[in-house]
Amino acid sequence: ALIADGVETSRQVLAEQELDVFIWVSLLIEELTDFLWDNCPYLHEKNTKEELYKAVQLHVQYYTIVSLIDKNGICGVCRFNITNVDEAYIVDVAVRKDLRYKDILQRLLRMGLEIWTSIKQLRFYSQDNKREFVVPVNMVLKKEK
């Protein structure tokens, strides 16, 4: 799936109530927004939750958001902007606390690169280091296990 296999709770609601696709996507967007809001405290400084919801909605529309799920819910989310034909800017990455340092970030980046195959480099701003980094895609791809 391009965005995610779905969020388990959304899938259950869909099966039980036979909701149409629009409602299911709205539930997915809401869960992705909640996950980012809860796991990226820096977002609170520059956005309201409603603004984040609208941004996530656009990322879903343009296939510039990827997520991983497991039986416990969302594992990680990555939003990126395509800045030109061969560069993507990583807007933010959130990984569930119990899964940090378990290659979730690597998997999210790979998912994005499978969608946008022309990307040659990734650009991101580190909240911890307060500086921007540029990483060639081959650095991400060569770490494959």
Protein backbone atom coordinates (compact mmCIF):
# COMPACT_ATOMS: atom_id res chain seq x y z
CA ALA A 1 0.00 0.00 0.00
CA LEU A 2 1.24 3.47 -0.74
CA ILE A 3 0.33 5.17 2.50
CA ALA A 4 0.01 2.31 4.95
CA ASP A 5 -1.65 -1.02 5.25
CA GLY A 6 -4.16 0.89 7.34
CA VAL A 7 -4.52 1.48 11.01
CA GLU A 8 -5.95 -1.54 12.80
CA THR A 9 -8.69 0.38 14.60
CA SER A 10 -9.73 2.02 11.33
CA ARG A 11 -9.81 -1.38 9.63
CA GLN A 12 -12.07 -2.78 12.37
CA VAL A 13 -14.45 0.17 12.08
CA LEU A 14 -14.56 -0.26 8.31
CA ALA A 15 -15.37 -3.97 8.58
CA GLU A 16 -17.97 -3.57 11.32
CA GLN A 17 -19.86 -0.58 10.00
CA GLU A 18 -19.16 -0.80 6.26
CA LEU A 19 -18.00 2.80 6.10
CA ASP A 20 -17.18 4.23 2.72
CA VAL A 21 -13.60 4.97 1.66
CA PHE A 22 -13.85 8.69 2.40
CA ILE A 23 -14.68 8.08 6.04
CA TRP A 24 -11.96 5.42 6.33
CA VAL A 25 -9.34 7.79 4.90
CA SER A 26 -10.54 10.51 7.29
CA LEU A 27 -10.05 8.14 10.21
CA LEU A 28 -6.58 7.24 8.95
CA ILE A 29 -5.66 10.93 8.61
CA GLU A 30 -6.90 11.56 12.14
CA GLU A 31 -4.83 8.69 13.55
CA LEU A 32 -1.71 9.79 11.65
CA THR A 33 -2.22 13.35 12.92
CA ASP A 34 -2.65 12.16 16.52
CA PHE A 35 0.50 10.03 16.25
CA LEU A 36 2.59 12.91 14.90
CA TRP A 37 1.16 15.31 17.48
CA ASP A 38 1.93 12.93 20.35
CA ASN A 39 5.43 12.00 19.15
CA CYS A 40 6.76 15.30 17.75
CA PRO A 41 6.54 17.92 20.53
CA TYR A 42 8.28 20.53 18.35
CA LEU A 43 5.15 20.59 16.16
CA HIS A 44 3.26 22.26 19.03
CA GLU A 45 5.52 25.30 18.70
CA LYS A 46 4.70 26.00 15.05
CA ASN A 47 1.27 24.44 14.43
CA THR A 48 -2.12 23.89 15.92
CA LYS A 49 -3.42 20.34 15.75
CA GLU A 50 -5.99 21.48 13.16
CA GLU A 51 -3.23 22.88 10.94
CA LEU A 52 -1.33 19.61 11.27
CA TYR A 53 -4.47 17.67 10.30
CA LYS A 54 -4.82 19.77 7.12
CA ALA A 55 -1.13 19.25 6.31
CA VAL A 56 -1.43 15.48 6.80
CA GLN A 57 -4.50 15.53 4.55
CA LEU A 58 -2.42 17.09 1.76
CA HIS A 59 0.42 14.64 2.30
CA VAL A 60 -2.02 11.75 1.95
CA GLN A 61 -3.42 13.31 -1.23
CA TYR A 62 0.05 13.65 -2.78
CA TYR A 63 1.48 10.34 -1.46
CA THR A 64 4.18 12.13 0.52
CA ILE A 65 3.50 10.40 3.81
CA VAL A 66 4.38 6.84 4.74
CA SER A 67 3.67 4.86 7.87
CA LEU A 68 4.25 1.45 9.36
CA ILE A 69 1.83 -0.37 11.60
CA ASP A 70 1.82 -3.46 13.75
CA LYS A 71 -0.73 -5.12 16.02
CA ASN A 72 -0.26 -2.29 18.55
CA GLY A 73 -0.99 0.50 16.07
CA ILE A 74 1.21 2.96 14.26
CA CYS A 75 4.95 2.23 14.52
CA GLY A 76 6.21 5.27 12.66
CA VAL A 77 5.28 8.07 10.29
CA CYS A 78 7.40 10.08 7.86
CA ARG A 79 6.22 13.13 5.94
CA PHE A 80 8.29 14.56 3.15
CA ASN A 81 8.06 17.26 0.50
CA ILE A 82 9.41 16.79 -2.99
CA THR A 83 11.46 19.96 -3.45
CA ASN A 84 12.54 19.17 -7.00
CA VAL A 85 12.73 16.13 -9.24
CA ASP A 86 15.68 14.59 -7.40
CA GLU A 87 15.43 15.88 -3.81
CA ALA A 88 13.02 15.31 -0.95
CA TYR A 89 12.84 17.31 2.25
CA ILE A 90 11.94 15.21 5.29
CA VAL A 91 9.31 17.32 7.09
CA ASP A 92 9.22 15.09 10.14
CA VAL A 93 9.68 11.54 11.30
CA ALA A 94 8.02 10.03 14.34
CA VAL A 95 8.71 6.57 15.71
CA ARG A 96 6.79 4.98 18.58
CA LYS A 97 8.92 5.10 21.74
CA ASP A 98 9.13 1.32 22.21
CA LEU A 99 10.43 0.91 18.65
CA ARG A 100 13.14 3.57 18.54
CA TYR A 101 16.55 2.36 17.34
CA LYS A 102 14.99 -0.62 15.57
CA ASP A 103 15.44 0.53 11.92
CA ILE A 104 11.92 1.97 11.65
CA LEU A 105 13.31 5.22 10.23
CA GLN A 106 15.26 3.25 7.61
CA ARG A 107 12.12 1.35 6.60
CA LEU A 108 10.05 4.54 6.37
CA LEU A 109 12.66 6.23 4.16
CA ARG A 110 12.81 3.17 1.90
CA MET A 111 9.02 3.20 1.55
CA GLY A 112 9.13 6.84 0.44
CA LEU A 113 11.94 6.11 -2.01
CA GLU A 114 9.89 3.28 -3.53
CA ILE A 115 7.15 5.80 -4.33
CA TRP A 116 9.43 8.62 -5.53
CA THR A 117 12.09 6.74 -7.50
CA SER A 118 13.74 9.85 -8.99
CA ILE A 119 14.93 11.12 -5.57
CA LYS A 120 18.73 11.22 -5.30
CA GLN A 121 19.11 12.99 -1.95
CA LEU A 122 17.18 13.55 1.26
CA ARG A 123 17.36 16.81 3.17
CA PHE A 124 16.25 17.20 6.78
CA TYR A 125 16.63 19.49 9.77
CA SER A 126 17.71 17.90 13.04
CA GLN A 127 15.78 19.24 16.02
CA ASP A 128 18.47 17.88 18.34
CA ASN A 129 21.50 19.28 16.50
CA LYS A 130 19.74 22.41 15.24
CA ARG A 131 21.21 22.03 11.76
CA GLU A 132 20.33 20.76 8.32
CA PHE A 133 21.70 17.55 6.81
CA VAL A 134 21.76 16.24 3.26
CA VAL A 135 21.99 12.48 2.77
CA PRO A 136 22.50 10.83 -0.62
CA VAL A 137 19.87 8.16 -1.30
CA ASN A 138 22.56 5.54 -1.91
CA MET A 139 23.59 5.92 1.77
CA VAL A 140 20.06 4.93 2.78
CA LEU A 141 19.82 2.11 0.26
CA LYS A 142 23.21 0.54 0.94
CA LYS A 143 22.25 -0.15 4.57
CA GLU A 144 19.75 -2.76 3.44
CA LYS A 145 19.87 -5.99 5.43
